[in-house]
């Protein structure tokens, strides 16, 4: 390969890189508009998250007062996880063409002889757990005395839909 041919390839790569940076900026703006949404418990709980999976809205529908607090808590978590998965899927769909194009580009190791393929050395992301942390070891060492029992799941309760709020 001649030096001129190498320079032409490098200039073409630089030009392609500049175009990709503009495309990435556009995609980032579009990604910031993505929201994921999930509704659970017969349309009683709706959670909306942004593209990062951060909850931006929780809505309670009619008859939410028919659920126990523990059911509401579990349903909010489930809806948030479903909404985050929805936002992630939408973001991946948005980025798919760019990632396909990037995979077709030559690596630095293809251009410069003797340089190792650094992308092969990059660790792959490990999904974060979706289960709450277990604190059983802490619970086993904690002991409370002189306490009153409280029924969290009692049927007659005043909640967020009570008129006294």
Protein backbone atom coordinates (compact mmCIF):
# COMPACT_ATOMS: atom_id res chain seq x y z
CA UNK A 1 0.00 0.00 0.00
CA UNK A 2 1.45 3.37 -0.94
CA UNK A 3 1.70 6.26 1.46
CA UNK A 4 -0.75 8.33 -0.63
CA UNK A 5 -3.28 5.54 -0.51
CA UNK A 6 -2.92 5.33 3.26
CA UNK A 7 -3.39 9.09 3.64
CA UNK A 8 -6.50 9.00 1.46
CA UNK A 9 -7.99 6.27 3.65
CA UNK A 10 -7.16 8.18 6.81
CA UNK A 11 -8.74 11.39 5.47
CA UNK A 12 -11.84 9.42 4.50
CA UNK A 13 -12.01 7.99 8.03
CA UNK A 14 -11.66 11.47 9.54
CA UNK A 15 -14.46 12.75 7.30
CA UNK A 16 -16.64 9.79 8.28
CA UNK A 17 -15.80 10.40 11.95
CA UNK A 18 -16.94 14.04 11.71
CA UNK A 19 -20.22 12.96 10.11
CA UNK A 20 -20.73 10.37 12.85
CA UNK A 21 -20.17 12.96 15.57
CA UNK A 22 -22.95 15.09 14.06
CA UNK A 23 -25.19 12.03 13.86
CA UNK A 24 -24.41 11.09 17.47
CA UNK A 25 -25.31 14.62 18.65
CA UNK A 26 -28.64 14.38 16.80
CA UNK A 27 -29.33 10.92 18.25
CA UNK A 28 -28.54 12.13 21.76
CA UNK A 29 -31.11 14.92 21.39
CA UNK A 30 -33.69 12.40 20.14
CA UNK A 31 -32.80 9.95 22.92
CA UNK A 32 -33.48 12.62 25.54
CA UNK A 33 -37.08 12.75 24.27
CA UNK A 34 -37.64 9.02 24.85
CA UNK A 35 -39.92 7.98 27.69
CA UNK A 36 -40.93 4.51 28.77
CA UNK A 37 -44.32 3.90 30.28
CA UNK A 38 -45.98 0.93 31.98
CA UNK A 39 -49.37 0.45 33.57
CA UNK A 40 -50.12 -2.35 36.04
CA UNK A 41 -52.76 -3.52 38.47
CA UNK A 42 -55.69 -3.04 36.10
CA UNK A 43 -54.71 0.53 35.14
CA UNK A 44 -54.46 1.59 38.78
CA UNK A 45 -50.73 2.40 38.66
CA UNK A 46 -48.81 4.00 35.77
CA UNK A 47 -45.09 4.77 35.90
CA UNK A 48 -43.21 6.87 33.34
CA UNK A 49 -39.42 6.94 33.14
CA UNK A 50 -36.95 8.93 31.04
CA UNK A 51 -34.39 7.42 28.66
CA UNK A 52 -32.04 6.78 31.60
CA UNK A 53 -34.72 4.76 33.41
CA UNK A 54 -35.27 7.45 36.06
CA UNK A 55 -38.87 7.72 37.24
CA UNK A 56 -40.39 11.01 36.14
CA UNK A 57 -44.03 10.30 36.92
CA UNK A 58 -46.15 7.93 39.02
CA UNK A 59 -49.90 8.07 38.60
CA UNK A 60 -52.56 6.31 40.68
CA UNK A 61 -55.85 5.56 39.02
CA UNK A 62 -59.32 4.81 40.33
CA UNK A 63 -59.69 2.17 43.04
CA UNK A 64 -56.05 2.43 44.16
CA UNK A 65 -57.43 2.35 47.71
CA UNK A 66 -58.50 -1.26 47.15
CA UNK A 67 -54.82 -2.29 47.17
CA UNK A 68 -52.75 -2.89 50.29
CA UNK A 69 -49.65 -0.76 50.73
CA UNK A 70 -47.44 -3.76 50.05
CA UNK A 71 -49.29 -4.40 46.77
CA UNK A 72 -48.89 -0.77 45.73
CA UNK A 73 -45.17 -0.85 46.51
CA UNK A 74 -44.59 -4.06 44.54
CA UNK A 75 -46.70 -2.77 41.63
CA UNK A 76 -44.78 0.52 41.45
CA UNK A 77 -41.49 -1.39 41.31
CA UNK A 78 -42.82 -3.75 38.62
CA UNK A 79 -44.21 -0.87 36.56
CA UNK A 80 -40.93 1.07 36.88
CA UNK A 81 -38.95 -1.95 35.68
CA UNK A 82 -41.30 -2.48 32.73
CA UNK A 83 -41.17 1.22 31.83
CA UNK A 84 -37.36 1.22 32.01
CA UNK A 85 -37.24 -1.83 29.72
CA UNK A 86 -39.54 0.00 27.30
CA UNK A 87 -37.29 3.09 27.30
CA UNK A 88 -34.19 0.94 26.84
CA UNK A 89 -35.75 -0.87 23.88
CA UNK A 90 -36.68 2.44 22.24
CA UNK A 91 -33.18 3.85 22.77
CA UNK A 92 -31.60 0.70 21.30
CA UNK A 93 -33.85 0.95 18.25
CA UNK A 94 -32.81 4.58 17.82
CA UNK A 95 -29.09 3.75 18.06
CA UNK A 96 -29.16 0.53 15.97
CA UNK A 97 -28.29 2.14 12.59
CA UNK A 98 -25.32 3.99 14.10
CA UNK A 99 -24.01 0.85 15.81
CA UNK A 100 -24.35 -1.13 12.58
CA UNK A 101 -22.39 1.53 10.70
CA UNK A 102 -19.73 1.65 13.44
CA UNK A 103 -19.26 -2.13 13.27
CA UNK A 104 -18.47 -1.84 9.55
CA UNK A 105 -15.65 0.67 10.09
CA UNK A 106 -12.06 -0.59 10.15
CA UNK A 107 -10.42 -0.84 13.54
CA UNK A 108 -7.16 0.91 14.33
CA UNK A 109 -5.53 -2.54 14.36
CA UNK A 110 -6.64 -2.93 10.70
CA UNK A 111 -4.87 0.30 9.77
CA UNK A 112 -1.68 0.11 11.80
CA UNK A 113 0.27 -3.12 11.74
CA UNK A 114 1.18 -4.54 15.12
CA UNK A 115 -1.42 -2.65 17.18
CA UNK A 116 -3.65 -5.03 19.14
CA UNK A 117 -7.45 -4.93 18.79
CA UNK A 118 -8.35 -2.94 21.90
CA UNK A 119 -12.11 -3.40 21.46
CA UNK A 120 -11.69 -7.11 22.19
CA UNK A 121 -10.18 -6.18 25.57
CA UNK A 122 -13.12 -4.03 26.67
CA UNK A 123 -15.25 -5.59 29.42
CA UNK A 124 -18.88 -6.20 28.57
CA UNK A 125 -21.47 -4.47 30.78
CA UNK A 126 -23.14 -6.64 33.39
CA UNK A 127 -26.82 -5.88 34.02
CA UNK A 128 -27.54 -4.43 37.44
CA UNK A 129 -29.78 -6.51 39.72
CA UNK A 130 -33.49 -5.74 39.78
CA UNK A 131 -34.10 -7.36 43.16
CA UNK A 132 -33.87 -5.25 46.33
CA UNK A 133 -30.76 -5.85 48.43
CA UNK A 134 -31.08 -8.46 51.11
CA UNK A 135 -30.30 -7.23 54.57
CA UNK A 136 -30.97 -10.47 56.43
CA UNK A 137 -27.53 -10.47 58.04
CA UNK A 138 -28.27 -7.04 59.49
CA UNK A 139 -31.75 -8.11 60.57
CA UNK A 140 -30.35 -11.12 62.36
CA UNK A 141 -28.15 -8.92 64.56
CA UNK A 142 -30.84 -6.30 65.28
CA UNK A 143 -33.26 -6.90 68.10
CA UNK A 144 -35.96 -4.47 69.13
CA UNK A 145 -37.72 -4.70 72.47
CA UNK A 146 -40.66 -2.84 73.94
CA UNK A 147 -42.41 -2.41 70.57
CA UNK A 148 -46.03 -2.52 69.45
CA UNK A 149 -47.24 -4.75 66.62
CA UNK A 150 -48.62 -2.94 63.59
CA UNK A 151 -50.67 -4.61 60.86
CA UNK A 152 -49.48 -3.09 57.58
CA UNK A 153 -52.04 -5.04 55.56
CA UNK A 154 -55.19 -4.24 57.55
CA UNK A 155 -58.33 -3.85 55.47
CA UNK A 156 -59.79 -0.75 57.13
CA UNK A 157 -57.28 1.98 56.60
CA UNK A 158 -57.02 5.56 55.59
CA UNK A 159 -54.81 6.08 52.59
CA UNK A 160 -53.84 8.53 49.90
CA UNK A 161 -57.39 8.63 48.56
CA UNK A 162 -58.88 9.46 51.96
CA UNK A 163 -60.70 12.80 51.96
CA UNK A 164 -58.80 13.94 55.06
CA UNK A 165 -55.66 14.41 52.98
